Amino acid sequence: MARLVIDDVDEELLARLKDRAAARSQSVAEIAKEIIVRAIPSRGTASDAFRKIRALTPPGPQADSTDIIRQIRDE
């Protein structure tokens, strides 16, 4: 596993991280990793992306794009 070192952390920010870590009985490193993971989600698979896009598509029959293009062209 790789290491990450962050220099010049603001004292107030570090104090907040330490407070959060203590409240959760975790280390500052564990809290920092959680924050980074939430900020930069994994890419997932192509199947995951397809499911997300499909969920945005309304149910029912979909229009044929050829018909839509012809309609716009003929206007």
C-alpha atoms as a PDB file:
ATOM      1  CA  MET A   1       0.000   0.000   0.000  1.00  0.00           C
ATOM      2  CA  ALA A   2       1.274   3.486  -0.834  1.00  0.00           C
ATOM      3  CA  ARG A   3       1.947   6.264   1.661  1.00  0.00           C
ATOM      4  CA  LEU A   4       0.690   9.828   1.427  1.00  0.00           C
ATOM      5  CA  VAL A   5       2.326  12.650   3.355  1.00  0.00           C
ATOM      6  CA  ILE A   6       0.685  16.070   3.501  1.00  0.00           C
ATOM      7  CA  ASP A   7       2.936  18.945   4.522  1.00  0.00           C
ATOM      8  CA  ASP A   8       1.947  22.343   5.874  1.00  0.00           C
ATOM      9  CA  VAL A   9      -1.458  21.343   7.279  1.00  0.00           C
ATOM     10  CA  ASP A  10      -3.207  24.219   9.009  1.00  0.00           C
ATOM     11  CA  GLU A  11      -3.134  23.728  12.797  1.00  0.00           C
ATOM     12  CA  GLU A  12      -6.868  24.389  13.102  1.00  0.00           C
ATOM     13  CA  LEU A  13      -7.657  21.806  10.406  1.00  0.00           C
ATOM     14  CA  LEU A  14      -5.431  19.247  12.102  1.00  0.00           C
ATOM     15  CA  ALA A  15      -7.178  19.939  15.412  1.00  0.00           C
ATOM     16  CA  ARG A  16     -10.580  19.333  13.773  1.00  0.00           C
ATOM     17  CA  LEU A  17      -9.320  16.075  12.261  1.00  0.00           C
ATOM     18  CA  LYS A  18      -8.001  14.977  15.656  1.00  0.00           C
ATOM     19  CA  ASP A  19     -11.325  15.861  17.315  1.00  0.00           C
ATOM     20  CA  ARG A  20     -13.276  13.875  14.730  1.00  0.00           C
ATOM     21  CA  ALA A  21     -10.894  10.937  15.042  1.00  0.00           C
ATOM     22  CA  ALA A  22     -11.191  10.931  18.832  1.00  0.00           C
ATOM     23  CA  ALA A  23     -14.990  11.129  18.674  1.00  0.00           C
ATOM     24  CA  ARG A  24     -15.052   8.055  16.437  1.00  0.00           C
ATOM     25  CA  SER A  25     -12.244   6.174  18.188  1.00  0.00           C
ATOM     26  CA  GLN A  26     -10.254   6.208  14.955  1.00  0.00           C
ATOM     27  CA  SER A  27      -6.863   7.526  13.922  1.00  0.00           C
ATOM     28  CA  VAL A  28      -6.364  10.773  12.050  1.00  0.00           C
ATOM     29  CA  ALA A  29      -5.111   8.703   9.093  1.00  0.00           C
ATOM     30  CA  GLU A  30      -8.349   6.680   9.021  1.00  0.00           C
ATOM     31  CA  ILE A  31     -10.450   9.849   9.067  1.00  0.00           C
ATOM     32  CA  ALA A  32      -8.336  11.431   6.318  1.00  0.00           C
ATOM     33  CA  LYS A  33      -8.696   8.284   4.156  1.00  0.00           C
ATOM     34  CA  GLU A  34     -12.491   8.335   4.619  1.00  0.00           C
ATOM     35  CA  ILE A  35     -12.618  11.984   3.531  1.00  0.00           C
ATOM     36  CA  ILE A  36     -10.472  11.298   0.455  1.00  0.00           C
ATOM     37  CA  VAL A  37     -12.527   8.246  -0.548  1.00  0.00           C
ATOM     38  CA  ARG A  38     -15.770  10.253  -0.302  1.00  0.00           C
ATOM     39  CA  ALA A  39     -14.257  13.142  -2.260  1.00  0.00           C
ATOM     40  CA  ILE A  40     -12.870  10.940  -5.055  1.00  0.00           C
ATOM     41  CA  PRO A  41     -15.196   7.988  -5.682  1.00  0.00           C
ATOM     42  CA  SER A  42     -13.942   4.970  -7.571  1.00  0.00           C
ATOM     43  CA  ARG A  43     -14.573   4.829 -11.286  1.00  0.00           C
ATOM     44  CA  GLY A  44     -16.464   1.554 -11.119  1.00  0.00           C
ATOM     45  CA  THR A  45     -16.992  -0.673 -14.104  1.00  0.00           C
ATOM     46  CA  ALA A  46     -18.557  -0.006 -17.470  1.00  0.00           C
ATOM     47  CA  SER A  47     -21.569  -1.984 -16.272  1.00  0.00           C
ATOM     48  CA  ASP A  48     -21.933   0.364 -13.298  1.00  0.00           C
ATOM     49  CA  ALA A  49     -21.849   3.384 -15.603  1.00  0.00           C
ATOM     50  CA  PHE A  50     -24.411   1.773 -17.921  1.00  0.00           C
ATOM     51  CA  ARG A  51     -26.768   1.096 -14.986  1.00  0.00           C
ATOM     52  CA  LYS A  52     -26.477   4.704 -13.808  1.00  0.00           C
ATOM     53  CA  ILE A  53     -27.220   6.065 -17.282  1.00  0.00           C
ATOM     54  CA  ARG A  54     -30.063   3.592 -17.755  1.00  0.00           C
ATOM     55  CA  ALA A  55     -31.601   4.732 -14.454  1.00  0.00           C
ATOM     56  CA  LEU A  56     -31.789   8.267 -15.879  1.00  0.00           C
ATOM     57  CA  THR A  57     -33.696   7.058 -18.948  1.00  0.00           C
ATOM     58  CA  PRO A  58     -37.487   7.206 -18.559  1.00  0.00           C
ATOM     59  CA  PRO A  59     -39.260   3.851 -18.796  1.00  0.00           C
ATOM     60  CA  GLY A  60     -41.228   2.892 -21.864  1.00  0.00           C
ATOM     61  CA  PRO A  61     -40.562   2.954 -25.570  1.00  0.00           C
ATOM     62  CA  GLN A  62     -37.785   5.266 -26.699  1.00  0.00           C
ATOM     63  CA  ALA A  63     -37.930   7.490 -29.759  1.00  0.00           C
ATOM     64  CA  ASP A  64     -35.894   6.509 -32.791  1.00  0.00           C
ATOM     65  CA  SER A  65     -33.189   9.139 -33.210  1.00  0.00           C
ATOM     66  CA  THR A  66     -33.470   8.816 -36.998  1.00  0.00           C
ATOM     67  CA  ASP A  67     -37.045  10.093 -36.873  1.00  0.00           C
ATOM     68  CA  ILE A  68     -36.039  12.987 -34.630  1.00  0.00           C
ATOM     69  CA  ILE A  69     -33.193  14.004 -36.962  1.00  0.00           C
ATOM     70  CA  ARG A  70     -35.480  13.882 -40.004  1.00  0.00           C
ATOM     71  CA  GLN A  71     -38.107  15.961 -38.207  1.00  0.00           C
ATOM     72  CA  ILE A  72     -35.538  18.642 -37.300  1.00  0.00           C
ATOM     73  CA  ARG A  73     -34.078  18.593 -40.805  1.00  0.00           C
ATOM     74  CA  ASP A  74     -37.504  19.054 -42.425  1.00  0.00           C
ATOM     75  CA  GLU A  75     -38.475  22.008 -40.236  1.00  0.00           C
END
